[in-house]
PDB file of all heavy atoms in Angstrom:
ATOM      1  N   SER A   1      -9.832   8.058   0.916  1.00  0.00           N
ATOM      2  CA  SER A   1      -8.897   9.076   0.443  1.00  0.00           C
ATOM      3  C   SER A   1      -7.884   8.591  -0.579  1.00  0.00           C
ATOM      4  O   SER A   1      -7.248   9.358  -1.280  1.00  0.00           O
ATOM      5  CB  SER A   1      -8.170   9.713   1.620  1.00  0.00           C
ATOM      6  OG  SER A   1      -7.405   8.702   2.284  1.00  0.00           O
ATOM      7  N   VAL A   2      -7.754   7.242  -0.694  1.00  0.00           N
ATOM      8  CA  VAL A   2      -6.748   6.718  -1.614  1.00  0.00           C
ATOM      9  C   VAL A   2      -7.357   5.910  -2.764  1.00  0.00           C
ATOM     10  O   VAL A   2      -6.636   5.464  -3.690  1.00  0.00           O
ATOM     11  CB  VAL A   2      -5.736   5.821  -0.872  1.00  0.00           C
ATOM     12  CG1 VAL A   2      -5.112   6.582   0.267  1.00  0.00           C
ATOM     13  CG2 VAL A   2      -6.320   4.526  -0.407  1.00  0.00           C
ATOM     14  N   LYS A   3      -8.653   5.729  -2.745  1.00  0.00           N
ATOM     15  CA  LYS A   3      -9.310   4.976  -3.791  1.00  0.00           C
ATOM     16  C   LYS A   3      -9.061   5.566  -5.147  1.00  0.00           C
ATOM     17  O   LYS A   3      -9.125   6.820  -5.334  1.00  0.00           O
ATOM     18  CB  LYS A   3     -10.804   4.906  -3.561  1.00  0.00           C
ATOM     19  CG  LYS A   3     -11.193   3.891  -2.473  1.00  0.00           C
ATOM     20  CD  LYS A   3     -12.715   3.811  -2.318  1.00  0.00           C
ATOM     21  CE  LYS A   3     -13.113   2.798  -1.268  1.00  0.00           C
ATOM     22  NZ  LYS A   3     -14.586   2.724  -1.102  1.00  0.00           N
ATOM     23  N   GLY A   4      -8.690   4.709  -6.113  1.00  0.00           N
ATOM     24  CA  GLY A   4      -8.419   5.224  -7.478  1.00  0.00           C
ATOM     25  C   GLY A   4      -6.956   5.656  -7.645  1.00  0.00           C
ATOM     26  O   GLY A   4      -6.527   5.852  -8.811  1.00  0.00           O
ATOM     27  N   ARG A   5      -6.220   5.784  -6.567  1.00  0.00           N
ATOM     28  CA  ARG A   5      -4.796   6.199  -6.691  1.00  0.00           C
ATOM     29  C   ARG A   5      -3.846   5.108  -6.177  1.00  0.00           C
ATOM     30  O   ARG A   5      -2.754   4.967  -6.748  1.00  0.00           O
ATOM     31  CB  ARG A   5      -4.589   7.458  -5.867  1.00  0.00           C
ATOM     32  CG  ARG A   5      -5.413   8.634  -6.268  1.00  0.00           C
ATOM     33  CD  ARG A   5      -5.003   9.929  -5.547  1.00  0.00           C
ATOM     34  NE  ARG A   5      -5.214   9.823  -4.101  1.00  0.00           N
ATOM     35  CZ  ARG A   5      -4.235   9.982  -3.214  1.00  0.00           C
ATOM     36  NH1 ARG A   5      -2.997  10.240  -3.566  1.00  0.00           N
ATOM     37  NH2 ARG A   5      -4.493   9.913  -1.917  1.00  0.00           N
ATOM     38  N   PHE A   6      -4.242   4.363  -5.201  1.00  0.00           N
ATOM     39  CA  PHE A   6      -3.412   3.306  -4.602  1.00  0.00           C
ATOM     40  C   PHE A   6      -3.934   1.948  -5.004  1.00  0.00           C
ATOM     41  O   PHE A   6      -5.135   1.759  -5.090  1.00  0.00           O
ATOM     42  CB  PHE A   6      -3.362   3.414  -3.101  1.00  0.00           C
ATOM     43  CG  PHE A   6      -2.633   4.621  -2.544  1.00  0.00           C
ATOM     44  CD1 PHE A   6      -2.240   5.688  -3.349  1.00  0.00           C
ATOM     45  CD2 PHE A   6      -2.404   4.700  -1.172  1.00  0.00           C
ATOM     46  CE1 PHE A   6      -1.620   6.789  -2.846  1.00  0.00           C
ATOM     47  CE2 PHE A   6      -1.743   5.800  -0.653  1.00  0.00           C
ATOM     48  CZ  PHE A   6      -1.363   6.868  -1.494  1.00  0.00           C
ATOM     49  N   THR A   7      -3.003   0.996  -5.154  1.00  0.00           N
ATOM     50  CA  THR A   7      -3.403  -0.391  -5.453  1.00  0.00           C
ATOM     51  C   THR A   7      -2.579  -1.330  -4.544  1.00  0.00           C
ATOM     52  O   THR A   7      -1.336  -1.243  -4.538  1.00  0.00           O
ATOM     53  CB  THR A   7      -3.141  -0.744  -6.918  1.00  0.00           C
ATOM     54  OG1 THR A   7      -3.878   0.135  -7.743  1.00  0.00           O
ATOM     55  CG2 THR A   7      -3.584  -2.189  -7.208  1.00  0.00           C
ATOM     56  N   ILE A   8      -3.275  -2.180  -3.838  1.00  0.00           N
ATOM     57  CA  ILE A   8      -2.629  -3.166  -2.982  1.00  0.00           C
ATOM     58  C   ILE A   8      -2.647  -4.521  -3.693  1.00  0.00           C
ATOM     59  O   ILE A   8      -3.605  -4.852  -4.361  1.00  0.00           O
ATOM     60  CB  ILE A   8      -3.272  -3.249  -1.557  1.00  0.00           C
ATOM     61  CG1 ILE A   8      -2.436  -4.091  -0.634  1.00  0.00           C
ATOM     62  CG2 ILE A   8      -4.732  -3.770  -1.664  1.00  0.00           C
ATOM     63  CD1 ILE A   8      -2.918  -4.035   0.820  1.00  0.00           C
ATOM     64  N   SER A   9      -1.563  -5.260  -3.543  1.00  0.00           N
ATOM     65  CA  SER A   9      -1.501  -6.607  -4.119  1.00  0.00           C
ATOM     66  C   SER A   9      -0.590  -7.450  -3.204  1.00  0.00           C
ATOM     67  O   SER A   9       0.094  -6.929  -2.347  1.00  0.00           O
ATOM     68  CB  SER A   9      -0.941  -6.571  -5.549  1.00  0.00           C
ATOM     69  OG  SER A   9       0.377  -6.018  -5.548  1.00  0.00           O
ATOM     70  N   ARG A  10      -0.658  -8.751  -3.416  1.00  0.00           N
ATOM     71  CA  ARG A  10       0.197  -9.664  -2.607  1.00  0.00           C
ATOM     72  C   ARG A  10       0.640 -10.843  -3.445  1.00  0.00           C
ATOM     73  O   ARG A  10      -0.032 -11.249  -4.371  1.00  0.00           O
ATOM     74  CB  ARG A  10      -0.559 -10.138  -1.311  1.00  0.00           C
ATOM     75  CG  ARG A  10      -1.808 -10.956  -1.595  1.00  0.00           C
ATOM     76  CD  ARG A  10      -2.591 -11.171  -0.345  1.00  0.00           C
ATOM     77  NE  ARG A  10      -2.033 -12.239   0.504  1.00  0.00           N
ATOM     78  CZ  ARG A  10      -2.515 -12.566   1.683  1.00  0.00           C
ATOM     79  NH1 ARG A  10      -3.605 -11.944   2.165  1.00  0.00           N
ATOM     80  NH2 ARG A  10      -1.980 -13.541   2.400  1.00  0.00           N
ATOM     81  N   ASP A  11       1.813 -11.344  -3.028  1.00  0.00           N
ATOM     82  CA  ASP A  11       2.385 -12.519  -3.672  1.00  0.00           C
ATOM     83  C   ASP A  11       2.460 -13.566  -2.542  1.00  0.00           C
ATOM     84  O   ASP A  11       3.349 -13.480  -1.678  1.00  0.00           O
ATOM     85  CB  ASP A  11       3.749 -12.248  -4.267  1.00  0.00           C
ATOM     86  CG  ASP A  11       4.330 -13.426  -5.013  1.00  0.00           C
ATOM     87  OD1 ASP A  11       3.980 -14.574  -4.681  1.00  0.00           O
ATOM     88  OD2 ASP A  11       5.166 -13.193  -5.898  1.00  0.00           O
ATOM     89  N   ASN A  12       1.535 -14.531  -2.550  1.00  0.00           N
ATOM     90  CA  ASN A  12       1.500 -15.489  -1.461  1.00  0.00           C
ATOM     91  C   ASN A  12       2.674 -16.430  -1.432  1.00  0.00           C
ATOM     92  O   ASN A  12       3.060 -16.937  -0.370  1.00  0.00           O
ATOM     93  CB  ASN A  12       0.183 -16.305  -1.535  1.00  0.00           C
ATOM     94  CG  ASN A  12      -1.029 -15.445  -1.203  1.00  0.00           C
ATOM     95  OD1 ASN A  12      -0.974 -14.493  -0.424  1.00  0.00           O
ATOM     96  ND2 ASN A  12      -2.173 -15.737  -1.825  1.00  0.00           N
ATOM     97  N   ARG A  13       3.279 -16.682  -2.581  1.00  0.00           N
ATOM     98  CA  ARG A  13       4.442 -17.521  -2.610  1.00  0.00           C
ATOM     99  C   ARG A  13       5.608 -16.876  -1.920  1.00  0.00           C
ATOM    100  O   ARG A  13       6.470 -17.554  -1.338  1.00  0.00           O
ATOM    101  CB  ARG A  13       4.823 -17.864  -4.079  1.00  0.00           C
ATOM    102  CG  ARG A  13       3.799 -18.708  -4.813  1.00  0.00           C
ATOM    103  CD  ARG A  13       4.175 -18.854  -6.272  1.00  0.00           C
ATOM    104  NE  ARG A  13       4.249 -17.509  -6.878  1.00  0.00           N
ATOM    105  CZ  ARG A  13       4.701 -17.304  -8.116  1.00  0.00           C
ATOM    106  NH1 ARG A  13       5.168 -18.324  -8.871  1.00  0.00           N
ATOM    107  NH2 ARG A  13       4.782 -16.083  -8.625  1.00  0.00           N
ATOM    108  N   LYS A  14       5.714 -15.543  -2.017  1.00  0.00           N
ATOM    109  CA  LYS A  14       6.823 -14.819  -1.405  1.00  0.00           C
ATOM    110  C   LYS A  14       6.411 -14.189  -0.086  1.00  0.00           C
ATOM    111  O   LYS A  14       7.247 -13.521   0.572  1.00  0.00           O
ATOM    112  CB  LYS A  14       7.274 -13.693  -2.343  1.00  0.00           C
ATOM    113  CG  LYS A  14       7.837 -14.183  -3.673  1.00  0.00           C
ATOM    114  CD  LYS A  14       8.278 -12.990  -4.528  1.00  0.00           C
ATOM    115  CE  LYS A  14       8.894 -13.487  -5.873  1.00  0.00           C
ATOM    116  NZ  LYS A  14       9.315 -12.334  -6.724  1.00  0.00           N
ATOM    117  N   ASN A  15       5.154 -14.382   0.352  1.00  0.00           N
ATOM    118  CA  ASN A  15       4.685 -13.769   1.574  1.00  0.00           C
ATOM    119  C   ASN A  15       4.975 -12.267   1.617  1.00  0.00           C
ATOM    120  O   ASN A  15       5.447 -11.703   2.602  1.00  0.00           O
ATOM    121  CB  ASN A  15       5.307 -14.442   2.797  1.00  0.00           C
ATOM    122  CG  ASN A  15       4.898 -15.895   2.943  1.00  0.00           C
ATOM    123  OD1 ASN A  15       3.712 -16.222   2.796  1.00  0.00           O
ATOM    124  ND2 ASN A  15       5.883 -16.772   3.151  1.00  0.00           N
ATOM    125  N   THR A  16       4.648 -11.649   0.501  1.00  0.00           N
ATOM    126  CA  THR A  16       4.977 -10.233   0.323  1.00  0.00           C
ATOM    127  C   THR A  16       3.715  -9.468  -0.086  1.00  0.00           C
ATOM    128  O   THR A  16       2.923  -9.969  -0.917  1.00  0.00           O
ATOM    129  CB  THR A  16       6.073 -10.048  -0.712  1.00  0.00           C
ATOM    130  OG1 THR A  16       7.250 -10.709  -0.291  1.00  0.00           O
ATOM    131  CG2 THR A  16       6.373  -8.577  -0.951  1.00  0.00           C
ATOM    132  N   VAL A  17       3.567  -8.273   0.472  1.00  0.00           N
ATOM    133  CA  VAL A  17       2.456  -7.380   0.094  1.00  0.00           C
ATOM    134  C   VAL A  17       3.044  -6.097  -0.460  1.00  0.00           C
ATOM    135  O   VAL A  17       4.112  -5.649  -0.023  1.00  0.00           O
ATOM    136  CB  VAL A  17       1.524  -7.101   1.301  1.00  0.00           C
ATOM    137  CG1 VAL A  17       2.259  -6.386   2.433  1.00  0.00           C
ATOM    138  CG2 VAL A  17       0.298  -6.312   0.861  1.00  0.00           C
ATOM    139  N   TYR A  18       2.383  -5.556  -1.458  1.00  0.00           N
ATOM    140  CA  TYR A  18       2.832  -4.357  -2.180  1.00  0.00           C
ATOM    141  C   TYR A  18       1.763  -3.265  -2.060  1.00  0.00           C
ATOM    142  O   TYR A  18       0.578  -3.559  -1.962  1.00  0.00           O
ATOM    143  CB  TYR A  18       3.096  -4.659  -3.618  1.00  0.00           C
ATOM    144  CG  TYR A  18       4.061  -5.801  -3.857  1.00  0.00           C
ATOM    145  CD1 TYR A  18       3.596  -7.093  -4.090  1.00  0.00           C
ATOM    146  CD2 TYR A  18       5.459  -5.613  -3.817  1.00  0.00           C
ATOM    147  CE1 TYR A  18       4.440  -8.110  -4.318  1.00  0.00           C
ATOM    148  CE2 TYR A  18       6.336  -6.679  -4.012  1.00  0.00           C
ATOM    149  CZ  TYR A  18       5.812  -7.928  -4.260  1.00  0.00           C
ATOM    150  OH  TYR A  18       6.670  -8.961  -4.450  1.00  0.00           O
ATOM    151  N   LEU A  19       2.216  -2.022  -2.150  1.00  0.00           N
ATOM    152  CA  LEU A  19       1.314  -0.912  -2.254  1.00  0.00           C
ATOM    153  C   LEU A  19       1.819   0.037  -3.369  1.00  0.00           C
ATOM    154  O   LEU A  19       2.877   0.709  -3.162  1.00  0.00           O
ATOM    155  CB  LEU A  19       1.183  -0.165  -0.938  1.00  0.00           C
ATOM    156  CG  LEU A  19       0.143   0.984  -0.936  1.00  0.00           C
ATOM    157  CD1 LEU A  19      -1.276   0.393  -1.033  1.00  0.00           C
ATOM    158  CD2 LEU A  19       0.245   1.805   0.368  1.00  0.00           C
ATOM    159  N   GLN A  20       1.138   0.048  -4.464  1.00  0.00           N
ATOM    160  CA  GLN A  20       1.482   0.995  -5.527  1.00  0.00           C
ATOM    161  C   GLN A  20       0.748   2.286  -5.321  1.00  0.00           C
ATOM    162  O   GLN A  20      -0.484   2.255  -5.256  1.00  0.00           O
ATOM    163  CB  GLN A  20       1.103   0.381  -6.918  1.00  0.00           C
ATOM    164  CG  GLN A  20       1.384   1.286  -8.070  1.00  0.00           C
ATOM    165  CD  GLN A  20       2.825   1.540  -8.283  1.00  0.00           C
ATOM    166  OE1 GLN A  20       3.698   0.642  -8.225  1.00  0.00           O
ATOM    167  NE2 GLN A  20       3.186   2.807  -8.578  1.00  0.00           N
ATOM    168  N   MET A  21       1.486   3.341  -5.195  1.00  0.00           N
ATOM    169  CA  MET A  21       0.880   4.657  -4.868  1.00  0.00           C
ATOM    170  C   MET A  21       1.123   5.564  -6.025  1.00  0.00           C
ATOM    171  O   MET A  21       2.250   5.893  -6.323  1.00  0.00           O
ATOM    172  CB  MET A  21       1.466   5.208  -3.583  1.00  0.00           C
ATOM    173  CG  MET A  21       1.316   4.277  -2.384  1.00  0.00           C
ATOM    174  SD  MET A  21       1.906   4.993  -0.854  1.00  0.00           S
ATOM    175  CE  MET A  21       3.660   5.153  -1.165  1.00  0.00           C
ATOM    176  N   ASN A  22       0.044   6.020  -6.698  1.00  0.00           N
ATOM    177  CA  ASN A  22       0.129   6.946  -7.813  1.00  0.00           C
ATOM    178  C   ASN A  22      -0.535   8.256  -7.488  1.00  0.00           C
ATOM    179  O   ASN A  22      -1.340   8.335  -6.568  1.00  0.00           O
ATOM    180  CB  ASN A  22      -0.546   6.324  -9.035  1.00  0.00           C
ATOM    181  CG  ASN A  22       0.142   5.054  -9.502  1.00  0.00           C
ATOM    182  OD1 ASN A  22       1.350   4.859  -9.357  1.00  0.00           O
ATOM    183  ND2 ASN A  22      -0.622   4.140 -10.069  1.00  0.00           N
ATOM    184  N   ASN A  23      -0.200   9.255  -8.250  1.00  0.00           N
ATOM    185  CA  ASN A  23      -0.780  10.617  -8.052  1.00  0.00           C
ATOM    186  C   ASN A  23      -0.709  11.018  -6.559  1.00  0.00           C
ATOM    187  O   ASN A  23      -1.737  11.439  -5.999  1.00  0.00           O
ATOM    188  CB  ASN A  23      -2.216  10.647  -8.544  1.00  0.00           C
ATOM    189  CG  ASN A  23      -2.792  12.019  -8.614  1.00  0.00           C
ATOM    190  OD1 ASN A  23      -2.079  12.984  -8.650  1.00  0.00           O
ATOM    191  ND2 ASN A  23      -4.107  12.113  -8.543  1.00  0.00           N
ATOM    192  N   LEU A  24       0.464  10.928  -6.014  1.00  0.00           N
ATOM    193  CA  LEU A  24       0.632  11.191  -4.612  1.00  0.00           C
ATOM    194  C   LEU A  24       0.388  12.670  -4.275  1.00  0.00           C
ATOM    195  O   LEU A  24       0.718  13.574  -5.129  1.00  0.00           O
ATOM    196  CB  LEU A  24       2.039  10.778  -4.143  1.00  0.00           C
ATOM    197  CG  LEU A  24       2.153   9.290  -3.896  1.00  0.00           C
ATOM    198  CD1 LEU A  24       3.630   8.827  -3.952  1.00  0.00           C
ATOM    199  CD2 LEU A  24       1.549   8.892  -2.610  1.00  0.00           C
ATOM    200  N   LYS A  25      -0.180  12.921  -3.149  1.00  0.00           N
ATOM    201  CA  LYS A  25      -0.499  14.283  -2.684  1.00  0.00           C
ATOM    202  C   LYS A  25       0.218  14.583  -1.375  1.00  0.00           C
ATOM    203  O   LYS A  25       0.578  13.650  -0.659  1.00  0.00           O
ATOM    204  CB  LYS A  25      -2.017  14.370  -2.435  1.00  0.00           C
ATOM    205  CG  LYS A  25      -2.859  14.021  -3.655  1.00  0.00           C
ATOM    206  CD  LYS A  25      -4.335  14.076  -3.324  1.00  0.00           C
ATOM    207  CE  LYS A  25      -5.208  13.668  -4.490  1.00  0.00           C
ATOM    208  NZ  LYS A  25      -6.656  13.737  -4.195  1.00  0.00           N
ATOM    209  N   PRO A  26       0.438  15.848  -1.085  1.00  0.00           N
ATOM    210  CA  PRO A  26       1.105  16.191   0.188  1.00  0.00           C
ATOM    211  C   PRO A  26       0.430  15.584   1.402  1.00  0.00           C
ATOM    212  O   PRO A  26       1.135  15.220   2.361  1.00  0.00           O
ATOM    213  CB  PRO A  26       1.060  17.711   0.206  1.00  0.00           C
ATOM    214  CG  PRO A  26       1.019  18.115  -1.254  1.00  0.00           C
ATOM    215  CD  PRO A  26       0.217  17.030  -1.924  1.00  0.00           C
ATOM    216  N   GLU A  27      -0.878  15.425   1.354  1.00  0.00           N
ATOM    217  CA  GLU A  27      -1.578  14.856   2.509  1.00  0.00           C
ATOM    218  C   GLU A  27      -1.344  13.361   2.646  1.00  0.00           C
ATOM    219  O   GLU A  27      -1.777  12.750   3.605  1.00  0.00           O
ATOM    220  CB  GLU A  27      -3.057  15.145   2.402  1.00  0.00           C
ATOM    221  CG  GLU A  27      -3.694  14.757   1.118  1.00  0.00           C
ATOM    222  CD  GLU A  27      -3.798  15.957   0.182  1.00  0.00           C
ATOM    223  OE1 GLU A  27      -2.863  16.778   0.093  1.00  0.00           O
ATOM    224  OE2 GLU A  27      -4.883  16.073  -0.501  1.00  0.00           O
ATOM    225  N   ASP A  28      -0.672  12.709   1.690  1.00  0.00           N
ATOM    226  CA  ASP A  28      -0.283  11.328   1.855  1.00  0.00           C
ATOM    227  C   ASP A  28       0.997  11.174   2.659  1.00  0.00           C
ATOM    228  O   ASP A  28       1.414  10.043   2.971  1.00  0.00           O
ATOM    229  CB  ASP A  28      -0.057  10.689   0.459  1.00  0.00           C
ATOM    230  CG  ASP A  28      -1.339  10.626  -0.349  1.00  0.00           C
ATOM    231  OD1 ASP A  28      -2.395  10.257   0.188  1.00  0.00           O
ATOM    232  OD2 ASP A  28      -1.277  10.898  -1.558  1.00  0.00           O
ATOM    233  N   THR A  29       1.649  12.265   3.000  1.00  0.00           N
ATOM    234  CA  THR A  29       2.851  12.222   3.787  1.00  0.00           C
ATOM    235  C   THR A  29       2.599  11.584   5.164  1.00  0.00           C
ATOM    236  O   THR A  29       1.677  12.049   5.881  1.00  0.00           O
ATOM    237  CB  THR A  29       3.414  13.632   3.988  1.00  0.00           C
ATOM    238  OG1 THR A  29       3.814  14.155   2.698  1.00  0.00           O
ATOM    239  CG2 THR A  29       4.628  13.611   4.918  1.00  0.00           C
ATOM    240  N   ALA A  30       3.333  10.561   5.484  1.00  0.00           N
ATOM    241  CA  ALA A  30       3.119   9.821   6.727  1.00  0.00           C
ATOM    242  C   ALA A  30       4.161   8.724   6.829  1.00  0.00           C
ATOM    243  O   ALA A  30       4.906   8.435   5.833  1.00  0.00           O
ATOM    244  CB  ALA A  30       1.736   9.186   6.770  1.00  0.00           C
ATOM    245  N   VAL A  31       4.220   8.100   7.998  1.00  0.00           N
ATOM    246  CA  VAL A  31       4.946   6.824   8.112  1.00  0.00           C
ATOM    247  C   VAL A  31       3.947   5.714   7.769  1.00  0.00           C
ATOM    248  O   VAL A  31       2.868   5.647   8.347  1.00  0.00           O
ATOM    249  CB  VAL A  31       5.477   6.645   9.564  1.00  0.00           C
ATOM    250  CG1 VAL A  31       6.211   5.312   9.658  1.00  0.00           C
ATOM    251  CG2 VAL A  31       6.452   7.801   9.900  1.00  0.00           C
ATOM    252  N   TYR A  32       4.351   4.858   6.860  1.00  0.00           N
ATOM    253  CA  TYR A  32       3.515   3.761   6.416  1.00  0.00           C
ATOM    254  C   TYR A  32       3.982   2.438   7.089  1.00  0.00           C
ATOM    255  O   TYR A  32       5.172   2.120   7.041  1.00  0.00           O
ATOM    256  CB  TYR A  32       3.555   3.611   4.897  1.00  0.00           C
ATOM    257  CG  TYR A  32       2.781   4.702   4.203  1.00  0.00           C
ATOM    258  CD1 TYR A  32       3.160   6.012   4.224  1.00  0.00           C
ATOM    259  CD2 TYR A  32       1.601   4.381   3.509  1.00  0.00           C
ATOM    260  CE1 TYR A  32       2.429   7.037   3.616  1.00  0.00           C
ATOM    261  CE2 TYR A  32       0.840   5.359   2.886  1.00  0.00           C
ATOM    262  CZ  TYR A  32       1.259   6.655   2.927  1.00  0.00           C
ATOM    263  OH  TYR A  32       0.526   7.655   2.330  1.00  0.00           O
ATOM    264  N   TYR A  33       3.054   1.770   7.673  1.00  0.00           N
ATOM    265  CA  TYR A  33       3.284   0.524   8.425  1.00  0.00           C
ATOM    266  C   TYR A  33       2.646  -0.662   7.715  1.00  0.00           C
ATOM    267  O   TYR A  33       1.463  -0.624   7.350  1.00  0.00           O
ATOM    268  CB  TYR A  33       2.766   0.630   9.845  1.00  0.00           C
ATOM    269  CG  TYR A  33       3.440   1.646  10.676  1.00  0.00           C
ATOM    270  CD1 TYR A  33       2.926   2.914  10.755  1.00  0.00           C
ATOM    271  CD2 TYR A  33       4.576   1.361  11.422  1.00  0.00           C
ATOM    272  CE1 TYR A  33       3.522   3.905  11.555  1.00  0.00           C
ATOM    273  CE2 TYR A  33       5.183   2.313  12.207  1.00  0.00           C
ATOM    274  CZ  TYR A  33       4.660   3.583  12.246  1.00  0.00           C
ATOM    275  OH  TYR A  33       5.287   4.543  13.036  1.00  0.00           O
ATOM    276  N   CYS A  34       3.421  -1.692   7.572  1.00  0.00           N
ATOM    277  CA  CYS A  34       2.890  -2.953   7.065  1.00  0.00           C
ATOM    278  C   CYS A  34       2.198  -3.715   8.209  1.00  0.00           C
ATOM    279  O   CYS A  34       2.713  -3.677   9.369  1.00  0.00           O
ATOM    280  CB  CYS A  34       4.036  -3.793   6.481  1.00  0.00           C
ATOM    281  SG  CYS A  34       3.597  -5.458   5.914  1.00  0.00           S
ATOM    282  N   TYR A  35       1.153  -4.420   7.899  1.00  0.00           N
ATOM    283  CA  TYR A  35       0.362  -5.200   8.933  1.00  0.00           C
ATOM    284  C   TYR A  35       0.077  -6.559   8.331  1.00  0.00           C
ATOM    285  O   TYR A  35      -0.359  -6.673   7.178  1.00  0.00           O
ATOM    286  CB  TYR A  35      -0.874  -4.474   9.331  1.00  0.00           C
ATOM    287  CG  TYR A  35      -1.763  -5.309  10.206  1.00  0.00           C
ATOM    288  CD1 TYR A  35      -1.532  -5.376  11.588  1.00  0.00           C
ATOM    289  CD2 TYR A  35      -2.856  -6.017   9.701  1.00  0.00           C
ATOM    290  CE1 TYR A  35      -2.342  -6.117  12.407  1.00  0.00           C
ATOM    291  CE2 TYR A  35      -3.667  -6.776  10.529  1.00  0.00           C
ATOM    292  CZ  TYR A  35      -3.404  -6.824  11.858  1.00  0.00           C
ATOM    293  OH  TYR A  35      -4.194  -7.575  12.677  1.00  0.00           O
ATOM    294  N   VAL A  36       0.286  -7.598   9.142  1.00  0.00           N
ATOM    295  CA  VAL A  36      -0.058  -8.979   8.747  1.00  0.00           C
ATOM    296  C   VAL A  36      -0.848  -9.613   9.852  1.00  0.00           C
ATOM    297  O   VAL A  36      -0.533  -9.468  11.026  1.00  0.00           O
ATOM    298  CB  VAL A  36       1.217  -9.761   8.446  1.00  0.00           C
ATOM    299  CG1 VAL A  36       0.926 -11.234   8.425  1.00  0.00           C
ATOM    300  CG2 VAL A  36       1.840  -9.318   7.130  1.00  0.00           C
ATOM    301  N   ASN A  37      -1.896 -10.318   9.447  1.00  0.00           N
ATOM    302  CA  ASN A  37      -2.728 -11.081  10.387  1.00  0.00           C
ATOM    303  C   ASN A  37      -2.530 -12.567  10.116  1.00  0.00           C
ATOM    304  O   ASN A  37      -2.919 -13.019   9.016  1.00  0.00           O
ATOM    305  CB  ASN A  37      -4.210 -10.683  10.278  1.00  0.00           C
ATOM    306  CG  ASN A  37      -5.078 -11.412  11.282  1.00  0.00           C
ATOM    307  OD1 ASN A  37      -4.957 -12.622  11.464  1.00  0.00           O
ATOM    308  ND2 ASN A  37      -5.955 -10.692  11.933  1.00  0.00           N
ATOM    309  N   GLN A  38      -1.965 -13.266  11.061  1.00  0.00           N
ATOM    310  CA  GLN A  38      -1.767 -14.674  10.890  1.00  0.00           C
ATOM    311  C   GLN A  38      -2.585 -15.400  11.939  1.00  0.00           C
ATOM    312  O   GLN A  38      -2.286 -15.320  13.144  1.00  0.00           O
ATOM    313  CB  GLN A  38      -0.276 -15.071  11.018  1.00  0.00           C
ATOM    314  CG  GLN A  38      -0.057 -16.584  10.971  1.00  0.00           C
ATOM    315  CD  GLN A  38       1.356 -16.960  10.634  1.00  0.00           C
ATOM    316  OE1 GLN A  38       1.721 -17.176   9.482  1.00  0.00           O
ATOM    317  NE2 GLN A  38       2.166 -16.994  11.671  1.00  0.00           N
TER     318      GLN A  38
END
């Protein structure tokens, strides 16, 4: 449902993950949770 609209990236030096969300739709409304597997 998000392919072509959302882009995930990470900066390993900063231990940070990003989610760029474009062309947002009402059905994208939600609580978004970050997840990390160590």
